[in-house]
């Protein structure tokens, strides 16, 4: 799904674009989860620097299940 991204890629992107450490990037990712901006597609995991898929809640607006 093009609306998904992998946690480890997000960490690398945050480190590159925000000039932060890996730990800071993980904290940012977890904060985005806690604030309800992104979520693990299975809704089972916190933000991880690993091959877990995440998506933005805003990308789900208008999607019926």
N, C-alpha and C. Protein backbone atom coordinates (compact mmCIF):
# COMPACT_ATOMS: atom_id res chain seq x y z
N UNK A 1 0.85 -1.19 0.00
CA UNK A 1 0.00 0.00 0.00
C UNK A 1 0.89 1.24 0.00
N UNK A 2 0.71 2.13 -0.97
CA UNK A 2 1.57 3.32 -1.04
C UNK A 2 1.37 4.28 0.12
N UNK A 3 0.32 4.12 0.89
CA UNK A 3 0.09 5.00 2.04
C UNK A 3 0.80 4.52 3.29
N UNK A 4 1.51 3.40 3.20
CA UNK A 4 2.23 2.84 4.34
C UNK A 4 3.71 3.17 4.26
N UNK A 5 4.36 3.13 5.41
CA UNK A 5 5.81 3.28 5.45
C UNK A 5 6.36 2.37 6.54
N UNK A 6 7.62 2.07 6.44
CA UNK A 6 8.30 1.16 7.37
C UNK A 6 8.98 1.99 8.46
N UNK A 7 8.87 1.54 9.70
CA UNK A 7 9.43 2.26 10.83
C UNK A 7 10.91 2.57 10.68
N UNK A 8 11.70 1.59 10.23
CA UNK A 8 13.14 1.82 10.10
C UNK A 8 13.45 2.88 9.05
N UNK A 9 12.67 2.93 7.98
CA UNK A 9 12.87 3.97 6.96
C UNK A 9 12.48 5.33 7.50
N UNK A 10 11.44 5.38 8.32
CA UNK A 10 11.03 6.65 8.92
C UNK A 10 12.10 7.17 9.87
N UNK A 11 12.73 6.27 10.62
CA UNK A 11 13.80 6.67 11.53
C UNK A 11 14.96 7.25 10.72
N UNK A 12 15.36 6.58 9.65
CA UNK A 12 16.45 7.08 8.81
C UNK A 12 16.10 8.44 8.22
N UNK A 13 14.87 8.59 7.75
CA UNK A 13 14.43 9.86 7.17
C UNK A 13 14.46 10.98 8.22
N UNK A 14 13.95 10.71 9.41
CA UNK A 14 13.97 11.71 10.48
C UNK A 14 15.40 12.10 10.84
N UNK A 15 16.29 11.12 10.94
CA UNK A 15 17.69 11.42 11.27
C UNK A 15 18.32 12.32 10.20
N UNK A 16 18.01 12.03 8.94
CA UNK A 16 18.59 12.79 7.83
C UNK A 16 17.99 14.19 7.72
N UNK A 17 16.68 14.29 7.80
CA UNK A 17 16.03 15.58 7.55
C UNK A 17 15.96 16.48 8.77
N UNK A 18 15.95 15.89 9.96
CA UNK A 18 15.84 16.68 11.19
C UNK A 18 17.17 16.75 11.95
N UNK A 19 18.19 16.13 11.39
CA UNK A 19 19.52 16.14 11.99
C UNK A 19 19.46 15.72 13.47
N UNK A 20 18.82 14.57 13.71
CA UNK A 20 18.67 14.09 15.09
C UNK A 20 19.31 12.72 15.23
N UNK A 21 19.45 12.27 16.45
CA UNK A 21 20.00 10.95 16.72
C UNK A 21 18.93 9.89 16.49
N UNK A 22 19.35 8.64 16.45
CA UNK A 22 18.41 7.53 16.29
C UNK A 22 17.41 7.51 17.46
N UNK A 23 17.92 7.72 18.67
CA UNK A 23 17.04 7.74 19.84
C UNK A 23 16.01 8.86 19.75
N UNK A 24 16.44 10.04 19.30
CA UNK A 24 15.50 11.16 19.14
C UNK A 24 14.47 10.84 18.07
N UNK A 25 14.89 10.21 16.98
CA UNK A 25 13.96 9.84 15.91
C UNK A 25 12.93 8.83 16.42
N UNK A 26 13.37 7.87 17.23
CA UNK A 26 12.43 6.91 17.83
C UNK A 26 11.44 7.62 18.73
N UNK A 27 11.92 8.57 19.50
CA UNK A 27 11.02 9.33 20.39
C UNK A 27 10.00 10.13 19.59
N UNK A 28 10.43 10.71 18.48
CA UNK A 28 9.51 11.46 17.62
C UNK A 28 8.45 10.51 17.06
N UNK A 29 8.89 9.36 16.56
CA UNK A 29 7.95 8.38 16.02
C UNK A 29 6.94 7.92 17.06
N UNK A 30 7.41 7.65 18.26
CA UNK A 30 6.50 7.22 19.33
C UNK A 30 5.54 8.34 19.70
N UNK A 31 6.01 9.56 19.70
CA UNK A 31 5.14 10.70 20.00
C UNK A 31 4.04 10.82 18.94
N UNK A 32 4.38 10.57 17.68
CA UNK A 32 3.37 10.60 16.62
C UNK A 32 2.32 9.52 16.83
N UNK A 33 2.74 8.35 17.33
CA UNK A 33 1.79 7.28 17.65
C UNK A 33 0.90 7.71 18.81
N UNK A 34 1.51 8.22 19.87
CA UNK A 34 0.76 8.61 21.07
C UNK A 34 -0.22 9.75 20.79
N UNK A 35 0.11 10.62 19.86
CA UNK A 35 -0.76 11.75 19.51
C UNK A 35 -1.83 11.38 18.49
N UNK A 36 -1.83 10.12 18.05
CA UNK A 36 -2.85 9.67 17.11
C UNK A 36 -2.64 10.17 15.69
N UNK A 37 -1.39 10.42 15.32
CA UNK A 37 -1.09 10.89 13.97
C UNK A 37 -0.76 9.72 13.06
N UNK A 38 0.00 8.76 13.59
CA UNK A 38 0.32 7.54 12.85
C UNK A 38 -0.01 6.34 13.73
N UNK A 39 -0.06 5.17 13.10
CA UNK A 39 -0.26 3.94 13.88
C UNK A 39 0.30 2.75 13.13
N UNK A 40 0.66 1.74 13.88
CA UNK A 40 1.06 0.45 13.32
C UNK A 40 -0.17 -0.12 12.61
N UNK A 41 0.01 -0.65 11.42
CA UNK A 41 -1.16 -1.10 10.65
C UNK A 41 -1.94 -2.21 11.35
N UNK A 42 -1.30 -2.94 12.27
CA UNK A 42 -2.02 -3.97 13.02
C UNK A 42 -2.51 -3.44 14.36
N UNK A 43 -2.15 -2.21 14.68
CA UNK A 43 -2.50 -1.59 15.97
C UNK A 43 -2.03 -2.43 17.16
N UNK A 44 -0.89 -3.10 17.00
CA UNK A 44 -0.37 -3.96 18.07
C UNK A 44 0.97 -3.51 18.62
N UNK A 45 1.63 -2.54 17.98
CA UNK A 45 3.00 -2.22 18.36
C UNK A 45 3.20 -0.73 18.57
N UNK A 46 4.11 -0.38 19.49
CA UNK A 46 4.55 1.01 19.57
C UNK A 46 5.43 1.30 18.36
N UNK A 47 5.92 2.50 18.24
CA UNK A 47 6.80 2.83 17.12
C UNK A 47 8.12 2.11 17.28
N UNK A 48 8.58 1.44 16.22
CA UNK A 48 9.81 0.66 16.28
C UNK A 48 10.71 0.97 15.09
N UNK A 49 12.00 0.93 15.33
CA UNK A 49 13.01 1.08 14.29
C UNK A 49 13.25 -0.31 13.70
N UNK A 50 12.26 -0.78 12.94
CA UNK A 50 12.28 -2.15 12.44
C UNK A 50 11.34 -2.22 11.25
N UNK A 51 11.16 -3.43 10.71
CA UNK A 51 10.33 -3.62 9.53
C UNK A 51 8.87 -3.80 9.93
N UNK A 52 8.32 -2.77 10.55
CA UNK A 52 6.90 -2.72 10.90
C UNK A 52 6.26 -1.63 10.06
N UNK A 53 5.06 -1.89 9.56
CA UNK A 53 4.37 -0.93 8.71
C UNK A 53 3.52 0.02 9.55
N UNK A 54 3.57 1.28 9.17
CA UNK A 54 2.80 2.34 9.82
C UNK A 54 2.08 3.13 8.74
N UNK A 55 1.04 3.82 9.16
CA UNK A 55 0.35 4.72 8.23
C UNK A 55 -0.22 5.89 9.01
N UNK A 56 -0.51 6.96 8.27
CA UNK A 56 -1.11 8.15 8.86
C UNK A 56 -2.61 7.93 8.98
N UNK A 57 -3.17 8.28 10.14
CA UNK A 57 -4.62 8.20 10.29
C UNK A 57 -5.33 9.06 9.25
N UNK A 58 -4.73 10.19 8.89
CA UNK A 58 -5.37 11.10 7.92
C UNK A 58 -5.53 10.44 6.55
N UNK A 59 -4.69 9.45 6.22
CA UNK A 59 -4.83 8.74 4.95
C UNK A 59 -6.01 7.79 4.95
N UNK A 60 -6.60 7.54 6.12
CA UNK A 60 -7.72 6.61 6.22
C UNK A 60 -9.07 7.31 6.20
N UNK A 61 -9.08 8.61 6.19
CA UNK A 61 -10.35 9.33 6.15
C UNK A 61 -11.08 9.00 4.86
N UNK A 62 -12.32 8.66 5.00
CA UNK A 62 -13.12 8.33 3.84
C UNK A 62 -13.04 6.88 3.42
N UNK A 63 -12.21 6.09 4.09
CA UNK A 63 -12.12 4.67 3.77
C UNK A 63 -13.14 3.92 4.62
N UNK A 64 -14.01 3.19 3.98
CA UNK A 64 -15.00 2.42 4.74
C UNK A 64 -14.48 1.01 4.94
N UNK A 65 -14.80 0.45 6.09
CA UNK A 65 -14.35 -0.92 6.38
C UNK A 65 -15.53 -1.85 6.47
